Amino acid sequence: MMVNQARWAVLWGGLILLGSCGGSQPSESEVAAEANTAASPAPLASSLPPTTADTELIAEGEDIATTPTEATSLDGPPPPPSSAYIALLTPEQTAEIRATDIPLVVPTTIPAGFRVEQVTVKQDERFAEYQILYRDNRDRCFVVEYGSGGFGGPATEYRVPINPLLVGDEEKYGLNYGSYNYADAPEQTAESELHSDWLVLEDIGGYRLAGAAHINNRLTPDMPCQDVTVEEAIELVESFALITEEIVGDG
């Protein structure tokens, strides 16, 4: 096939050479125009004017971004987390204790992961008590209990002093743990105890913290309990506080 005329180009080091085969040579102005066209970079996509479709997408995006989201729940606000309640007690549980006219004492420092599993209230003409049972997901438990009398008990293997703010530092109180050691029976019981002394408030009654052995024998939970650490028990009982009506309010 005969090629009457062909134009070739060579790009090297930013130079463009144009030539012709079998025809006339291009003029200098044509060479310059070709060089400028080849050297000019392609326009960036962002510098191009938006198409009609792009404009519609931007408008839709602006509508989505600026339109406030309307609440769709018809059930009202969610309930507050359990940590928002005093000592993790629900308003119903607090009211159950309040109904007995027993002054409410609870720990104000509770290890993470615990919940109130059970509240027990007993009252008759001669005696009143309540127990608040706490448990975590490892079945570690402790109970905060009130009694109107019958304080005391045998000594345990170990005892460490505590300084509960509820009764001040006028008297010496302790946390007792280990097996019971009865004076008339040198042998020790198999179960390990964990409980504080009764913290007695005049004309009110006594409050204490007790551990797994007391809970398993006295409250008989469906799932047996394990003890918290001695350090946790000390922190708990030292944080006991009397909760007044002004603090609790309607809950």
Protein backbone atom coordinates (compact mmCIF):
# COMPACT_ATOMS: atom_id res chain seq x y z
CA MET A 1 0.00 0.00 0.00
CA MET A 2 1.33 3.39 -0.87
CA VAL A 3 1.59 5.94 1.89
CA ASN A 4 1.51 9.35 0.31
CA GLN A 5 2.30 11.20 3.48
CA ALA A 6 3.03 10.28 7.12
CA ARG A 7 3.85 12.38 10.10
CA TRP A 8 6.01 11.10 12.94
CA ALA A 9 6.78 12.36 16.38
CA VAL A 10 9.56 11.62 18.84
CA LEU A 11 9.35 12.69 22.50
CA TRP A 12 12.69 12.82 24.28
CA GLY A 13 13.77 15.08 27.11
CA GLY A 14 10.70 17.26 26.67
CA LEU A 15 11.44 17.93 22.96
CA ILE A 16 9.00 17.06 20.17
CA LEU A 17 10.26 16.68 16.67
CA LEU A 18 7.84 16.49 13.80
CA GLY A 19 8.79 15.31 10.30
CA SER A 20 7.17 14.11 7.16
CA CYS A 21 7.90 11.38 4.75
CA GLY A 22 7.25 12.04 1.10
CA GLY A 23 5.72 15.45 1.81
CA SER A 24 6.46 18.99 2.88
CA GLN A 25 8.05 19.87 6.22
CA PRO A 26 5.78 21.52 8.87
CA SER A 27 6.23 25.18 9.61
CA GLU A 28 7.80 26.49 12.83
CA SER A 29 4.42 27.67 14.09
CA GLU A 30 2.95 24.19 13.60
CA VAL A 31 5.85 22.64 15.49
CA ALA A 32 5.37 25.06 18.41
CA ALA A 33 1.62 24.40 18.52
CA GLU A 34 2.17 20.63 18.56
CA ALA A 35 4.75 20.96 21.35
CA ASN A 36 2.47 23.08 23.53
CA THR A 37 -0.38 20.63 23.08
CA ALA A 38 1.75 17.62 24.06
CA ALA A 39 3.33 19.40 27.05
CA SER A 40 0.06 20.59 28.57
CA PRO A 41 -1.09 18.23 31.38
CA ALA A 42 -4.57 16.76 31.32
CA PRO A 43 -7.02 18.68 33.52
CA LEU A 44 -7.68 17.15 36.94
CA ALA A 45 -11.07 15.62 37.54
CA SER A 46 -11.70 18.03 40.41
CA SER A 47 -11.16 21.03 38.11
CA LEU A 48 -13.75 19.87 35.64
CA PRO A 49 -17.21 21.47 35.93
CA PRO A 50 -19.75 19.11 37.48
CA THR A 51 -22.14 17.32 35.23
CA THR A 52 -25.88 17.37 35.72
CA ALA A 53 -25.71 13.95 37.41
CA ASP A 54 -22.94 15.15 39.76
CA THR A 55 -24.97 18.20 40.69
CA GLU A 56 -27.95 16.03 41.54
CA LEU A 57 -25.81 13.74 43.75
CA ILE A 58 -24.31 16.72 45.59
CA ALA A 59 -27.75 18.15 46.19
CA GLU A 60 -28.99 14.82 47.50
CA GLY A 61 -25.95 14.53 49.77
CA GLU A 62 -26.56 18.02 51.14
CA ASP A 63 -30.17 17.14 51.87
CA ILE A 64 -29.08 14.03 53.80
CA ALA A 65 -26.40 15.85 55.75
CA THR A 66 -28.51 18.82 56.75
CA THR A 67 -31.84 17.13 57.42
CA PRO A 68 -32.18 16.39 61.20
CA THR A 69 -32.88 12.80 62.16
CA GLU A 70 -36.27 12.36 63.78
CA ALA A 71 -36.72 10.00 66.73
CA THR A 72 -38.57 6.87 65.76
CA SER A 73 -38.91 5.22 69.17
CA LEU A 74 -42.41 5.31 70.62
CA ASP A 75 -41.41 3.77 73.96
CA GLY A 76 -39.85 6.88 75.50
CA PRO A 77 -36.24 7.27 76.69
CA PRO A 78 -34.25 4.17 77.63
CA PRO A 79 -33.94 3.32 81.33
CA PRO A 80 -30.85 4.65 83.13
CA PRO A 81 -27.95 2.22 83.57
CA SER A 82 -27.83 0.29 86.83
CA SER A 83 -24.75 2.28 87.84
CA ALA A 84 -26.97 5.41 87.99
CA TYR A 85 -28.88 3.98 90.98
CA ILE A 86 -27.65 4.38 94.53
CA ALA A 87 -25.65 1.25 95.40
CA LEU A 88 -27.13 -0.37 92.25
CA LEU A 89 -30.55 -0.63 93.92
CA THR A 90 -33.56 0.00 91.70
CA PRO A 91 -36.16 2.47 92.97
CA GLU A 92 -38.47 -0.47 93.70
CA GLN A 93 -35.86 -2.23 95.82
CA THR A 94 -35.06 0.97 97.68
CA ALA A 95 -38.77 1.53 98.35
CA GLU A 96 -39.12 -2.03 99.68
CA ILE A 97 -36.51 -1.34 102.36
CA ARG A 98 -37.85 2.13 103.07
CA ALA A 99 -41.31 0.72 103.70
CA THR A 100 -40.00 -0.94 106.88
CA ASP A 101 -38.70 2.37 108.30
CA ILE A 102 -35.26 0.76 108.60
CA PRO A 103 -32.57 3.37 107.92
CA LEU A 104 -30.84 2.44 104.68
CA VAL A 105 -27.08 1.85 104.80
CA VAL A 106 -25.25 0.76 101.65
CA PRO A 107 -21.69 0.70 100.31
CA THR A 108 -20.83 3.74 98.22
CA THR A 109 -17.86 2.00 96.58
CA ILE A 110 -18.71 -1.22 94.70
CA PRO A 111 -16.28 -3.17 92.47
CA ALA A 112 -17.03 -3.11 88.77
CA GLY A 113 -19.17 -5.93 87.39
CA PHE A 114 -21.44 -6.43 90.41
CA ARG A 115 -25.21 -6.24 90.38
CA VAL A 116 -27.94 -6.55 93.02
CA GLU A 117 -29.22 -10.10 92.77
CA GLN A 118 -31.63 -10.17 95.69
CA VAL A 119 -33.15 -7.97 98.38
CA THR A 120 -34.68 -9.68 101.43
CA VAL A 121 -36.62 -7.81 104.11
CA LYS A 122 -38.00 -9.35 107.30
CA GLN A 123 -39.78 -7.59 110.14
CA ASP A 124 -41.95 -8.49 113.07
CA GLU A 125 -42.79 -6.96 116.44
CA ARG A 126 -39.46 -7.92 117.97
CA PHE A 127 -36.94 -8.09 115.18
CA ALA A 128 -36.17 -6.53 111.80
CA GLU A 129 -33.51 -7.20 109.20
CA TYR A 130 -32.65 -6.75 105.55
CA GLN A 131 -30.07 -8.29 103.22
CA ILE A 132 -28.84 -6.88 99.93
CA LEU A 133 -27.07 -9.61 97.96
CA TYR A 134 -24.54 -8.59 95.31
CA ARG A 135 -23.04 -10.93 92.70
CA ASP A 136 -20.73 -10.58 89.69
CA ASN A 137 -20.38 -12.74 86.55
CA ARG A 138 -17.76 -14.91 88.29
CA ASP A 139 -20.22 -15.78 91.10
CA ARG A 140 -18.31 -13.74 93.63
CA CYS A 141 -20.77 -12.40 96.20
CA PHE A 142 -21.15 -10.26 99.27
CA VAL A 143 -24.16 -9.27 101.30
CA VAL A 144 -24.89 -6.06 103.17
CA GLU A 145 -27.22 -6.73 106.08
CA TYR A 146 -29.01 -4.92 108.85
CA GLY A 147 -30.06 -6.39 112.17
CA SER A 148 -31.85 -4.89 115.14
CA GLY A 149 -30.10 -7.10 117.69
CA GLY A 150 -28.14 -10.27 118.39
CA PHE A 151 -24.73 -8.86 117.55
CA GLY A 152 -21.47 -10.69 118.15
CA GLY A 153 -20.12 -14.13 117.28
CA PRO A 154 -17.09 -16.40 117.61
CA ALA A 155 -13.64 -15.30 116.52
CA THR A 156 -12.01 -16.35 113.25
CA GLU A 157 -8.43 -17.25 112.40
CA TYR A 158 -7.62 -13.81 111.07
CA ARG A 159 -8.72 -10.26 111.76
CA VAL A 160 -7.61 -6.95 110.27
CA PRO A 161 -8.57 -3.51 111.58
CA ILE A 162 -10.91 -1.33 109.53
CA ASN A 163 -11.97 2.29 109.80
CA PRO A 164 -15.59 2.52 108.65
CA LEU A 165 -16.78 6.07 108.13
CA LEU A 166 -20.29 5.07 109.21
CA VAL A 167 -19.30 4.87 112.89
CA GLY A 168 -16.20 7.06 112.93
CA ASP A 169 -12.93 6.06 114.55
CA GLU A 170 -13.95 6.17 118.22
CA GLU A 171 -14.07 2.39 118.44
CA LYS A 172 -11.92 -0.29 116.88
CA TYR A 173 -13.65 -2.42 114.26
CA GLY A 174 -12.31 -5.28 112.21
CA LEU A 175 -12.81 -7.57 109.24
CA ASN A 176 -12.81 -11.23 110.22
CA TYR A 177 -11.89 -14.08 107.87
CA GLY A 178 -10.72 -17.67 107.90
CA SER A 179 -12.24 -20.59 109.80
CA TYR A 180 -14.07 -20.15 113.09
CA ASN A 181 -11.97 -21.06 116.11
CA TYR A 182 -14.22 -21.80 119.11
CA ALA A 183 -12.65 -21.47 122.56
CA ASP A 184 -14.18 -24.77 123.69
CA ALA A 185 -13.34 -26.61 120.45
CA PRO A 186 -9.73 -26.40 119.21
CA GLU A 187 -10.69 -27.83 115.84
CA GLN A 188 -11.70 -25.31 113.21
CA THR A 189 -14.71 -25.45 110.97
CA ALA A 190 -14.14 -26.41 107.35
CA GLU A 191 -15.74 -23.34 105.80
CA SER A 192 -13.82 -20.10 105.49
CA GLU A 193 -15.70 -17.10 106.85
CA LEU A 194 -15.57 -13.51 105.75
CA HIS A 195 -17.49 -10.81 107.61
CA SER A 196 -17.04 -7.48 109.28
CA ASP A 197 -17.91 -6.61 112.84
CA TRP A 198 -21.41 -5.29 113.32
CA LEU A 199 -21.32 -1.51 112.95
CA VAL A 200 -23.84 -0.45 115.58
CA LEU A 201 -25.64 2.88 115.39
CA GLU A 202 -27.30 3.90 118.64
CA ASP A 203 -31.09 3.53 118.64
CA ILE A 204 -31.01 2.23 115.08
CA GLY A 205 -29.32 -1.17 114.89
CA GLY A 206 -26.26 -2.78 113.35
CA TYR A 207 -24.91 -3.18 109.82
CA ARG A 208 -22.24 -5.47 108.48
CA LEU A 209 -20.79 -7.08 105.36
CA ALA A 210 -20.69 -10.88 105.07
CA GLY A 211 -19.23 -13.26 102.52
CA ALA A 212 -19.88 -16.53 100.72
CA ALA A 213 -20.16 -18.94 103.67
CA HIS A 214 -22.84 -16.85 105.34
CA ILE A 215 -24.68 -16.31 102.04
CA ASN A 216 -24.66 -19.97 101.01
CA ASN A 217 -25.88 -21.14 104.44
CA ARG A 218 -28.32 -18.37 105.24
CA LEU A 219 -29.72 -17.17 101.93
CA THR A 220 -29.27 -20.45 100.00
CA PRO A 221 -28.92 -18.93 96.50
CA ASP A 222 -29.50 -21.09 93.44
CA MET A 223 -25.83 -20.68 92.43
CA PRO A 224 -23.29 -21.01 95.28
CA CYS A 225 -21.16 -17.94 95.93
CA GLN A 226 -17.43 -17.34 96.14
CA ASP A 227 -15.79 -14.69 98.31
CA VAL A 228 -14.49 -11.32 97.23
CA THR A 229 -10.90 -10.56 98.23
CA VAL A 230 -10.08 -9.29 101.70
CA GLU A 231 -8.94 -5.99 100.16
CA GLU A 232 -12.25 -5.56 98.35
CA ALA A 233 -14.20 -6.42 101.50
CA ILE A 234 -12.31 -3.79 103.50
CA GLU A 235 -12.98 -1.13 100.85
CA LEU A 236 -16.65 -2.06 100.75
CA VAL A 237 -17.35 -1.91 104.47
CA GLU A 238 -15.30 1.25 104.95
CA SER A 239 -17.52 2.94 102.33
CA PHE A 240 -20.79 2.19 104.17
CA ALA A 241 -22.98 5.30 104.35
CA LEU A 242 -26.41 6.17 105.70
CA ILE A 243 -28.64 7.17 102.78
CA THR A 244 -31.16 9.83 103.71
CA GLU A 245 -34.47 10.61 102.06
CA GLU A 246 -32.96 13.81 100.63
CA ILE A 247 -30.32 11.76 98.78
CA VAL A 248 -32.67 9.06 97.55
CA GLY A 249 -35.62 11.33 96.67
CA ASP A 250 -38.58 9.62 95.13
CA GLY A 251 -36.46 6.62 94.04
